[in-house]
N, C-alpha and C. Protein backbone atom coordinates (compact mmCIF):
# COMPACT_ATOMS: atom_id res chain seq x y z
N MET A 1 -20.71 48.42 19.46
CA MET A 1 -19.60 47.86 18.69
C MET A 1 -18.45 47.42 19.59
N LEU A 2 -18.16 48.20 20.60
CA LEU A 2 -17.09 47.85 21.50
C LEU A 2 -17.38 46.54 22.23
N LEU A 3 -18.64 46.37 22.62
CA LEU A 3 -19.04 45.15 23.30
C LEU A 3 -18.82 43.93 22.40
N LEU A 4 -19.18 44.08 21.13
CA LEU A 4 -18.99 42.99 20.18
C LEU A 4 -17.50 42.65 20.07
N GLY A 5 -16.67 43.66 20.05
CA GLY A 5 -15.22 43.44 20.00
C GLY A 5 -14.73 42.70 21.21
N GLN A 6 -15.28 43.04 22.41
CA GLN A 6 -14.87 42.37 23.63
C GLN A 6 -15.29 40.90 23.60
N GLU A 7 -16.49 40.62 23.09
CA GLU A 7 -16.93 39.23 22.98
C GLU A 7 -16.02 38.45 22.06
N GLN A 8 -15.61 39.09 20.97
CA GLN A 8 -14.73 38.41 20.02
C GLN A 8 -13.38 38.10 20.68
N ASP A 9 -12.84 39.06 21.47
CA ASP A 9 -11.58 38.82 22.18
C ASP A 9 -11.74 37.68 23.17
N LYS A 10 -12.86 37.63 23.87
CA LYS A 10 -13.12 36.57 24.84
C LYS A 10 -13.17 35.21 24.14
N GLU A 11 -13.84 35.17 22.96
CA GLU A 11 -13.96 33.94 22.20
C GLU A 11 -12.57 33.46 21.75
N THR A 12 -11.74 34.41 21.29
CA THR A 12 -10.39 34.08 20.85
C THR A 12 -9.58 33.53 22.02
N LYS A 13 -9.72 34.13 23.20
CA LYS A 13 -8.99 33.66 24.36
C LYS A 13 -9.42 32.25 24.75
N LEU A 14 -10.74 31.97 24.68
CA LEU A 14 -11.21 30.63 24.97
C LEU A 14 -10.63 29.62 23.98
N ASP A 15 -10.60 30.01 22.72
CA ASP A 15 -10.04 29.13 21.71
C ASP A 15 -8.56 28.87 21.97
N ARG A 16 -7.85 29.91 22.37
CA ARG A 16 -6.42 29.79 22.67
C ARG A 16 -6.23 28.87 23.87
N ASN A 17 -7.05 29.04 24.90
CA ASN A 17 -6.95 28.17 26.08
C ASN A 17 -7.24 26.73 25.72
N GLU A 18 -8.25 26.51 24.90
CA GLU A 18 -8.58 25.15 24.48
C GLU A 18 -7.43 24.53 23.68
N LEU A 19 -6.83 25.32 22.81
CA LEU A 19 -5.70 24.83 22.02
C LEU A 19 -4.51 24.49 22.93
N GLU A 20 -4.23 25.34 23.90
CA GLU A 20 -3.13 25.07 24.82
C GLU A 20 -3.40 23.77 25.59
N PHE A 21 -4.64 23.56 26.01
CA PHE A 21 -5.00 22.34 26.72
C PHE A 21 -4.80 21.12 25.83
N GLN A 22 -5.22 21.23 24.57
CA GLN A 22 -5.04 20.12 23.63
C GLN A 22 -3.56 19.83 23.39
N LEU A 23 -2.75 20.87 23.32
CA LEU A 23 -1.31 20.68 23.12
C LEU A 23 -0.67 19.95 24.31
N LEU A 24 -1.05 20.33 25.52
CA LEU A 24 -0.55 19.64 26.71
C LEU A 24 -0.99 18.18 26.73
N ARG A 25 -2.24 17.95 26.40
CA ARG A 25 -2.75 16.58 26.36
C ARG A 25 -2.03 15.79 25.28
N MET A 26 -1.78 16.43 24.13
CA MET A 26 -1.08 15.75 23.04
C MET A 26 0.31 15.31 23.48
N GLN A 27 1.03 16.16 24.21
CA GLN A 27 2.36 15.79 24.69
C GLN A 27 2.29 14.53 25.56
N ASN A 28 1.37 14.52 26.50
CA ASN A 28 1.23 13.37 27.39
C ASN A 28 0.77 12.12 26.65
N ASP A 29 -0.24 12.29 25.80
CA ASP A 29 -0.79 11.13 25.07
C ASP A 29 0.22 10.55 24.09
N MET A 30 1.00 11.43 23.46
CA MET A 30 1.96 10.94 22.48
C MET A 30 3.00 10.03 23.14
N LYS A 31 3.41 10.37 24.35
CA LYS A 31 4.36 9.51 25.08
C LYS A 31 3.76 8.13 25.30
N GLN A 32 2.51 8.09 25.70
CA GLN A 32 1.83 6.81 25.95
C GLN A 32 1.69 6.00 24.66
N ILE A 33 1.23 6.65 23.61
CA ILE A 33 0.99 5.98 22.33
C ILE A 33 2.29 5.45 21.75
N ALA A 34 3.36 6.26 21.83
CA ALA A 34 4.65 5.88 21.24
C ALA A 34 5.27 4.66 21.90
N LYS A 35 4.82 4.31 23.09
CA LYS A 35 5.34 3.11 23.76
C LYS A 35 4.91 1.83 23.04
N SER A 36 3.77 1.88 22.34
CA SER A 36 3.23 0.67 21.71
C SER A 36 3.03 0.77 20.20
N TYR A 37 3.03 1.99 19.66
CA TYR A 37 2.70 2.18 18.25
C TYR A 37 3.68 3.13 17.57
N ASP A 38 3.62 3.15 16.25
CA ASP A 38 4.40 4.12 15.47
C ASP A 38 3.54 5.37 15.28
N VAL A 39 3.97 6.48 15.87
CA VAL A 39 3.27 7.75 15.66
C VAL A 39 3.66 8.25 14.28
N ILE A 40 2.67 8.48 13.41
CA ILE A 40 2.99 8.86 12.03
C ILE A 40 2.54 10.27 11.67
N GLY A 41 1.86 10.93 12.60
CA GLY A 41 1.48 12.30 12.30
C GLY A 41 0.62 12.93 13.37
N VAL A 42 0.48 14.24 13.22
CA VAL A 42 -0.44 15.05 14.02
C VAL A 42 -1.24 15.83 13.01
N ASP A 43 -2.54 15.89 13.20
CA ASP A 43 -3.41 16.55 12.22
C ASP A 43 -4.51 17.29 12.94
N GLN A 44 -5.37 17.96 12.17
CA GLN A 44 -6.51 18.67 12.72
C GLN A 44 -7.78 18.16 12.07
N THR A 45 -8.82 17.98 12.89
CA THR A 45 -10.12 17.56 12.36
C THR A 45 -10.82 18.75 11.74
N LYS A 46 -11.97 18.48 11.13
CA LYS A 46 -12.73 19.59 10.54
C LYS A 46 -13.27 20.54 11.60
N ASP A 47 -13.29 20.10 12.87
CA ASP A 47 -13.68 20.96 13.99
C ASP A 47 -12.47 21.61 14.65
N ASP A 48 -11.30 21.49 14.02
CA ASP A 48 -10.04 22.06 14.48
C ASP A 48 -9.47 21.41 15.73
N ASN A 49 -9.92 20.20 16.08
CA ASN A 49 -9.30 19.48 17.19
C ASN A 49 -8.01 18.84 16.72
N LEU A 50 -7.01 18.83 17.57
CA LEU A 50 -5.76 18.17 17.25
C LEU A 50 -5.92 16.67 17.46
N VAL A 51 -5.35 15.88 16.55
CA VAL A 51 -5.38 14.43 16.67
C VAL A 51 -3.99 13.87 16.44
N ILE A 52 -3.70 12.79 17.15
CA ILE A 52 -2.46 12.04 16.95
C ILE A 52 -2.81 10.87 16.05
N VAL A 53 -2.05 10.68 14.97
CA VAL A 53 -2.28 9.57 14.05
C VAL A 53 -1.15 8.57 14.26
N TYR A 54 -1.52 7.32 14.45
CA TYR A 54 -0.52 6.29 14.70
C TYR A 54 -0.94 4.99 14.02
N LYS A 55 0.04 4.09 13.87
CA LYS A 55 -0.28 2.83 13.19
C LYS A 55 0.38 1.65 13.87
N SER A 56 -0.20 0.52 13.57
CA SER A 56 0.32 -0.76 14.01
C SER A 56 0.40 -1.65 12.78
N GLU A 57 1.55 -2.25 12.56
CA GLU A 57 1.70 -3.20 11.47
C GLU A 57 2.25 -4.49 12.06
N GLN A 58 1.44 -5.53 11.96
CA GLN A 58 1.84 -6.84 12.45
C GLN A 58 1.52 -7.86 11.37
N LEU A 59 2.53 -8.64 11.00
CA LEU A 59 2.38 -9.63 9.93
C LEU A 59 1.81 -8.95 8.70
N ASP A 60 0.61 -9.35 8.27
CA ASP A 60 0.04 -8.77 7.05
C ASP A 60 -1.02 -7.72 7.36
N GLN A 61 -1.10 -7.26 8.61
CA GLN A 61 -2.14 -6.32 9.00
C GLN A 61 -1.58 -4.92 9.20
N CYS A 62 -2.40 -3.94 8.84
CA CYS A 62 -2.06 -2.53 9.01
C CYS A 62 -3.28 -1.84 9.62
N LYS A 63 -3.06 -1.15 10.70
CA LYS A 63 -4.15 -0.45 11.36
C LYS A 63 -3.72 1.00 11.56
N ILE A 64 -4.49 1.92 10.98
CA ILE A 64 -4.25 3.35 11.15
C ILE A 64 -5.27 3.85 12.18
N MET A 65 -4.78 4.51 13.23
CA MET A 65 -5.65 4.92 14.34
C MET A 65 -5.48 6.40 14.66
N ILE A 66 -6.50 6.93 15.30
CA ILE A 66 -6.51 8.34 15.70
C ILE A 66 -6.85 8.44 17.18
N ASN A 67 -6.14 9.36 17.84
CA ASN A 67 -6.50 9.77 19.20
C ASN A 67 -6.80 11.26 19.14
N ASP A 68 -8.02 11.63 19.51
CA ASP A 68 -8.42 13.04 19.54
C ASP A 68 -7.91 13.65 20.85
N CYS A 69 -7.15 14.72 20.76
CA CYS A 69 -6.52 15.34 21.93
C CYS A 69 -7.52 16.13 22.77
N GLU A 70 -8.77 16.12 22.39
CA GLU A 70 -9.79 16.78 23.19
C GLU A 70 -10.08 15.98 24.46
N SER A 71 -9.80 14.67 24.41
CA SER A 71 -10.01 13.83 25.59
C SER A 71 -8.77 12.98 25.85
N ARG A 72 -8.66 12.46 27.05
CA ARG A 72 -7.51 11.67 27.47
C ARG A 72 -7.40 10.37 26.66
N TYR A 73 -6.19 9.96 26.37
CA TYR A 73 -5.95 8.71 25.62
C TYR A 73 -6.38 7.51 26.45
N ASP A 74 -7.26 6.73 25.84
CA ASP A 74 -7.72 5.50 26.47
C ASP A 74 -8.04 4.51 25.35
N GLY A 75 -7.10 4.33 24.45
CA GLY A 75 -7.34 3.54 23.24
C GLY A 75 -7.73 4.47 22.10
N TRP A 76 -7.82 3.92 20.92
CA TRP A 76 -8.09 4.75 19.75
C TRP A 76 -9.53 5.29 19.75
N ASP A 77 -9.68 6.45 19.08
CA ASP A 77 -11.00 7.05 18.88
C ASP A 77 -11.58 6.66 17.52
N PHE A 78 -10.70 6.27 16.59
CA PHE A 78 -11.11 5.91 15.22
C PHE A 78 -10.02 5.04 14.63
N SER A 79 -10.40 4.09 13.76
CA SER A 79 -9.38 3.28 13.10
C SER A 79 -9.85 2.76 11.75
N ILE A 80 -8.89 2.56 10.89
CA ILE A 80 -9.09 1.84 9.63
C ILE A 80 -8.19 0.61 9.70
N ASP A 81 -8.82 -0.56 9.60
CA ASP A 81 -8.08 -1.83 9.62
C ASP A 81 -7.94 -2.33 8.19
N ALA A 82 -6.73 -2.70 7.82
CA ALA A 82 -6.48 -3.20 6.47
C ALA A 82 -5.52 -4.38 6.52
N VAL A 83 -5.49 -5.13 5.42
CA VAL A 83 -4.63 -6.31 5.30
C VAL A 83 -3.85 -6.19 3.99
N TYR A 84 -2.55 -6.51 4.06
CA TYR A 84 -1.72 -6.58 2.86
C TYR A 84 -2.06 -7.89 2.17
N GLU A 85 -2.74 -7.82 1.03
CA GLU A 85 -3.13 -9.05 0.33
C GLU A 85 -1.97 -9.64 -0.46
N ASP A 86 -1.21 -8.78 -1.07
CA ASP A 86 -0.04 -9.19 -1.84
C ASP A 86 0.84 -7.95 -1.97
N GLY A 87 1.83 -8.00 -2.78
CA GLY A 87 2.72 -6.85 -2.93
C GLY A 87 2.09 -5.65 -3.62
N ASN A 88 0.88 -5.82 -4.14
CA ASN A 88 0.26 -4.74 -4.90
C ASN A 88 -1.06 -4.23 -4.33
N THR A 89 -1.56 -4.85 -3.27
CA THR A 89 -2.90 -4.52 -2.79
C THR A 89 -2.98 -4.46 -1.27
N LEU A 90 -3.63 -3.41 -0.81
CA LEU A 90 -3.99 -3.26 0.60
C LEU A 90 -5.52 -3.31 0.64
N HIS A 91 -6.08 -4.21 1.44
CA HIS A 91 -7.53 -4.41 1.48
C HIS A 91 -8.09 -3.88 2.80
N ILE A 92 -9.01 -2.91 2.71
CA ILE A 92 -9.65 -2.35 3.91
C ILE A 92 -10.65 -3.37 4.42
N GLY A 93 -10.48 -3.77 5.67
CA GLY A 93 -11.38 -4.74 6.27
C GLY A 93 -12.50 -4.07 7.06
N ASP A 94 -12.16 -2.99 7.76
CA ASP A 94 -13.17 -2.35 8.59
C ASP A 94 -12.76 -0.91 8.89
N ILE A 95 -13.77 -0.07 9.06
CA ILE A 95 -13.58 1.31 9.51
C ILE A 95 -14.44 1.45 10.76
N LYS A 96 -13.79 1.83 11.86
CA LYS A 96 -14.49 1.87 13.15
C LYS A 96 -14.35 3.25 13.78
N GLY A 97 -15.46 3.76 14.30
CA GLY A 97 -15.43 5.02 15.01
C GLY A 97 -16.58 5.92 14.59
N PRO A 98 -16.70 7.07 15.22
CA PRO A 98 -17.82 7.97 14.93
C PRO A 98 -17.71 8.61 13.55
N ALA A 99 -18.86 8.87 12.97
CA ALA A 99 -18.94 9.50 11.64
C ALA A 99 -18.95 11.03 11.76
N ASN A 100 -18.61 11.66 10.65
CA ASN A 100 -18.73 13.11 10.48
C ASN A 100 -17.89 13.95 11.44
N LYS A 101 -16.72 13.46 11.78
CA LYS A 101 -15.79 14.24 12.60
C LYS A 101 -14.50 14.56 11.83
N GLY A 102 -14.37 13.97 10.62
CA GLY A 102 -13.16 14.17 9.84
C GLY A 102 -12.09 13.12 10.10
N TYR A 103 -12.35 12.19 11.04
CA TYR A 103 -11.38 11.16 11.36
C TYR A 103 -11.11 10.24 10.17
N GLY A 104 -12.17 9.87 9.46
CA GLY A 104 -12.02 8.95 8.33
C GLY A 104 -11.13 9.52 7.25
N SER A 105 -11.31 10.80 6.95
CA SER A 105 -10.48 11.44 5.92
C SER A 105 -9.02 11.49 6.34
N ILE A 106 -8.78 11.79 7.60
CA ILE A 106 -7.40 11.83 8.09
C ILE A 106 -6.78 10.43 7.99
N CYS A 107 -7.49 9.41 8.48
CA CYS A 107 -6.96 8.04 8.43
C CYS A 107 -6.75 7.59 6.98
N MET A 108 -7.68 7.93 6.09
CA MET A 108 -7.53 7.52 4.69
C MET A 108 -6.29 8.16 4.07
N HIS A 109 -6.03 9.41 4.39
CA HIS A 109 -4.82 10.08 3.89
C HIS A 109 -3.57 9.29 4.32
N TYR A 110 -3.52 8.91 5.58
CA TYR A 110 -2.35 8.19 6.09
C TYR A 110 -2.31 6.75 5.59
N LEU A 111 -3.45 6.14 5.33
CA LEU A 111 -3.46 4.79 4.74
C LEU A 111 -2.89 4.85 3.32
N LYS A 112 -3.32 5.84 2.56
CA LYS A 112 -2.78 6.01 1.20
C LYS A 112 -1.28 6.28 1.24
N GLU A 113 -0.85 7.10 2.19
CA GLU A 113 0.57 7.40 2.34
C GLU A 113 1.36 6.14 2.69
N THR A 114 0.82 5.32 3.57
CA THR A 114 1.46 4.05 3.94
C THR A 114 1.59 3.14 2.72
N ALA A 115 0.51 3.03 1.95
CA ALA A 115 0.54 2.21 0.73
C ALA A 115 1.59 2.74 -0.23
N SER A 116 1.61 4.04 -0.43
CA SER A 116 2.57 4.66 -1.34
C SER A 116 4.01 4.42 -0.88
N ASP A 117 4.26 4.57 0.42
CA ASP A 117 5.61 4.35 0.96
C ASP A 117 6.08 2.92 0.72
N LYS A 118 5.16 1.97 0.65
CA LYS A 118 5.50 0.57 0.45
C LYS A 118 5.35 0.15 -1.02
N ASN A 119 5.17 1.14 -1.90
CA ASN A 119 4.99 0.90 -3.34
C ASN A 119 3.81 -0.02 -3.62
N ILE A 120 2.75 0.13 -2.87
CA ILE A 120 1.52 -0.63 -3.08
C ILE A 120 0.56 0.30 -3.82
N PRO A 121 0.26 0.00 -5.10
CA PRO A 121 -0.53 0.93 -5.90
C PRO A 121 -2.05 0.85 -5.73
N THR A 122 -2.55 -0.18 -5.05
CA THR A 122 -4.00 -0.38 -5.01
C THR A 122 -4.50 -0.58 -3.58
N ILE A 123 -5.59 0.12 -3.27
CA ILE A 123 -6.31 -0.11 -2.03
C ILE A 123 -7.72 -0.52 -2.42
N LYS A 124 -8.16 -1.66 -1.87
CA LYS A 124 -9.49 -2.19 -2.18
C LYS A 124 -10.28 -2.37 -0.90
N GLY A 125 -11.56 -2.60 -1.08
CA GLY A 125 -12.42 -2.89 0.06
C GLY A 125 -13.78 -3.35 -0.40
N ASP A 126 -14.58 -3.77 0.55
CA ASP A 126 -15.94 -4.23 0.25
C ASP A 126 -16.94 -3.37 1.01
N ILE A 127 -18.08 -3.19 0.39
CA ILE A 127 -19.22 -2.61 1.08
C ILE A 127 -20.15 -3.78 1.35
N ALA A 128 -20.34 -4.06 2.63
CA ALA A 128 -21.11 -5.25 3.04
C ALA A 128 -22.57 -4.90 3.29
N LYS A 129 -23.37 -5.92 3.41
CA LYS A 129 -24.80 -5.75 3.68
C LYS A 129 -25.02 -4.95 4.97
N ARG A 130 -24.16 -5.16 5.97
CA ARG A 130 -24.29 -4.43 7.24
C ARG A 130 -24.06 -2.92 7.07
N ASP A 131 -23.39 -2.53 5.97
CA ASP A 131 -23.12 -1.12 5.70
C ASP A 131 -24.25 -0.43 4.94
N TRP A 132 -25.21 -1.20 4.48
CA TRP A 132 -26.21 -0.67 3.54
C TRP A 132 -27.06 0.45 4.15
N GLY A 133 -27.21 0.47 5.45
CA GLY A 133 -28.00 1.52 6.10
C GLY A 133 -27.36 2.91 5.97
N HIS A 134 -26.07 2.96 5.72
CA HIS A 134 -25.38 4.25 5.55
C HIS A 134 -24.55 4.25 4.25
N VAL A 135 -25.06 3.58 3.24
CA VAL A 135 -24.32 3.45 1.97
C VAL A 135 -24.12 4.80 1.29
N GLU A 136 -25.09 5.71 1.41
CA GLU A 136 -24.94 7.04 0.77
C GLU A 136 -23.75 7.78 1.38
N ARG A 137 -23.59 7.68 2.70
CA ARG A 137 -22.45 8.33 3.36
C ARG A 137 -21.14 7.69 2.90
N LEU A 138 -21.14 6.36 2.74
CA LEU A 138 -19.94 5.66 2.27
C LEU A 138 -19.59 6.07 0.84
N ILE A 139 -20.60 6.17 0.00
CA ILE A 139 -20.36 6.60 -1.39
C ILE A 139 -19.71 7.98 -1.39
N HIS A 140 -20.27 8.91 -0.62
CA HIS A 140 -19.70 10.26 -0.54
C HIS A 140 -18.24 10.20 -0.06
N PHE A 141 -17.99 9.42 0.99
CA PHE A 141 -16.64 9.31 1.55
C PHE A 141 -15.65 8.76 0.52
N TYR A 142 -15.99 7.65 -0.11
CA TYR A 142 -15.06 7.03 -1.05
C TYR A 142 -14.88 7.86 -2.33
N GLU A 143 -15.93 8.51 -2.80
CA GLU A 143 -15.78 9.39 -3.96
C GLU A 143 -14.87 10.56 -3.63
N LYS A 144 -15.01 11.11 -2.43
CA LYS A 144 -14.17 12.22 -1.98
C LYS A 144 -12.70 11.82 -1.99
N HIS A 145 -12.43 10.55 -1.77
CA HIS A 145 -11.04 10.06 -1.72
C HIS A 145 -10.63 9.33 -3.01
N ASN A 146 -11.37 9.60 -4.07
CA ASN A 146 -11.03 9.13 -5.43
C ASN A 146 -11.03 7.62 -5.59
N PHE A 147 -11.94 6.94 -4.93
CA PHE A 147 -12.12 5.50 -5.10
C PHE A 147 -13.16 5.26 -6.19
N ALA A 148 -12.94 4.23 -6.99
CA ALA A 148 -13.97 3.74 -7.90
C ALA A 148 -14.90 2.88 -7.06
N ILE A 149 -16.20 3.00 -7.30
CA ILE A 149 -17.19 2.29 -6.50
C ILE A 149 -18.09 1.48 -7.42
N GLU A 150 -18.25 0.21 -7.09
CA GLU A 150 -19.21 -0.66 -7.79
C GLU A 150 -20.22 -1.14 -6.76
N LEU A 151 -21.49 -0.86 -7.01
CA LEU A 151 -22.53 -1.29 -6.07
C LEU A 151 -23.46 -2.30 -6.73
N ASP A 152 -23.92 -3.24 -5.93
CA ASP A 152 -24.92 -4.22 -6.34
C ASP A 152 -26.12 -4.04 -5.40
N PRO A 153 -27.04 -3.11 -5.76
CA PRO A 153 -28.16 -2.80 -4.88
C PRO A 153 -29.07 -4.00 -4.59
N GLU A 154 -29.18 -4.89 -5.57
CA GLU A 154 -30.03 -6.06 -5.38
C GLU A 154 -29.54 -6.94 -4.24
N ASN A 155 -28.22 -7.13 -4.16
CA ASN A 155 -27.63 -7.96 -3.10
C ASN A 155 -27.09 -7.14 -1.93
N LYS A 156 -27.25 -5.83 -2.02
CA LYS A 156 -26.79 -4.91 -0.97
C LYS A 156 -25.32 -5.13 -0.62
N CYS A 157 -24.49 -5.01 -1.64
CA CYS A 157 -23.05 -5.13 -1.44
C CYS A 157 -22.33 -4.31 -2.51
N GLY A 158 -21.03 -4.22 -2.38
CA GLY A 158 -20.27 -3.47 -3.38
C GLY A 158 -18.78 -3.61 -3.16
N LYS A 159 -18.04 -2.97 -4.05
CA LYS A 159 -16.57 -2.99 -4.00
C LYS A 159 -16.06 -1.57 -4.22
N ILE A 160 -14.93 -1.29 -3.60
CA ILE A 160 -14.27 -0.01 -3.80
C ILE A 160 -12.83 -0.27 -4.21
N GLU A 161 -12.26 0.66 -4.97
CA GLU A 161 -10.86 0.51 -5.38
C GLU A 161 -10.25 1.87 -5.67
N TRP A 162 -9.05 2.05 -5.13
CA TRP A 162 -8.25 3.24 -5.37
C TRP A 162 -6.92 2.81 -5.97
N ASN A 163 -6.48 3.53 -7.00
CA ASN A 163 -5.21 3.21 -7.63
C ASN A 163 -4.33 4.43 -7.64
N ASP A 164 -3.08 4.26 -7.25
CA ASP A 164 -2.10 5.34 -7.18
C ASP A 164 -1.27 5.34 -8.46
N PHE A 165 -1.87 5.81 -9.53
CA PHE A 165 -1.13 5.83 -10.81
C PHE A 165 -0.69 7.21 -11.15
């Protein structure tokens, strides 16, 4: 039993060291990111990694990006690209980055927050033919974030819509 307790203490110390390393990296990376982007948050992935959330808004475009503090900043690790279609709609154009790390959920939270801050009640998007190979994962993702989903399996396409009512 004592040995098990020692292993647990060692594991906790490793976790603490990893967290301290991520915090130091976050300090350095945040300085770099803030030179070019608006830092809008710090969050944790489902694996408990710290991430810096930042955005770029130019003309009618909005890009929400993530930098995982587990590795050095060298551009974004994940992004959601969207376009302001009108005063009432933000349209998701593309989601880029690795799946199943929790990045998409974090970015979606901040995209919804950005829309809400600008009094934009609707976020829309398309599911394209190129997405059809992972459509089940997309359905799960969008349902988790309370989007209505319309699919056309025959043409391998679809539409998503979220409303902040």
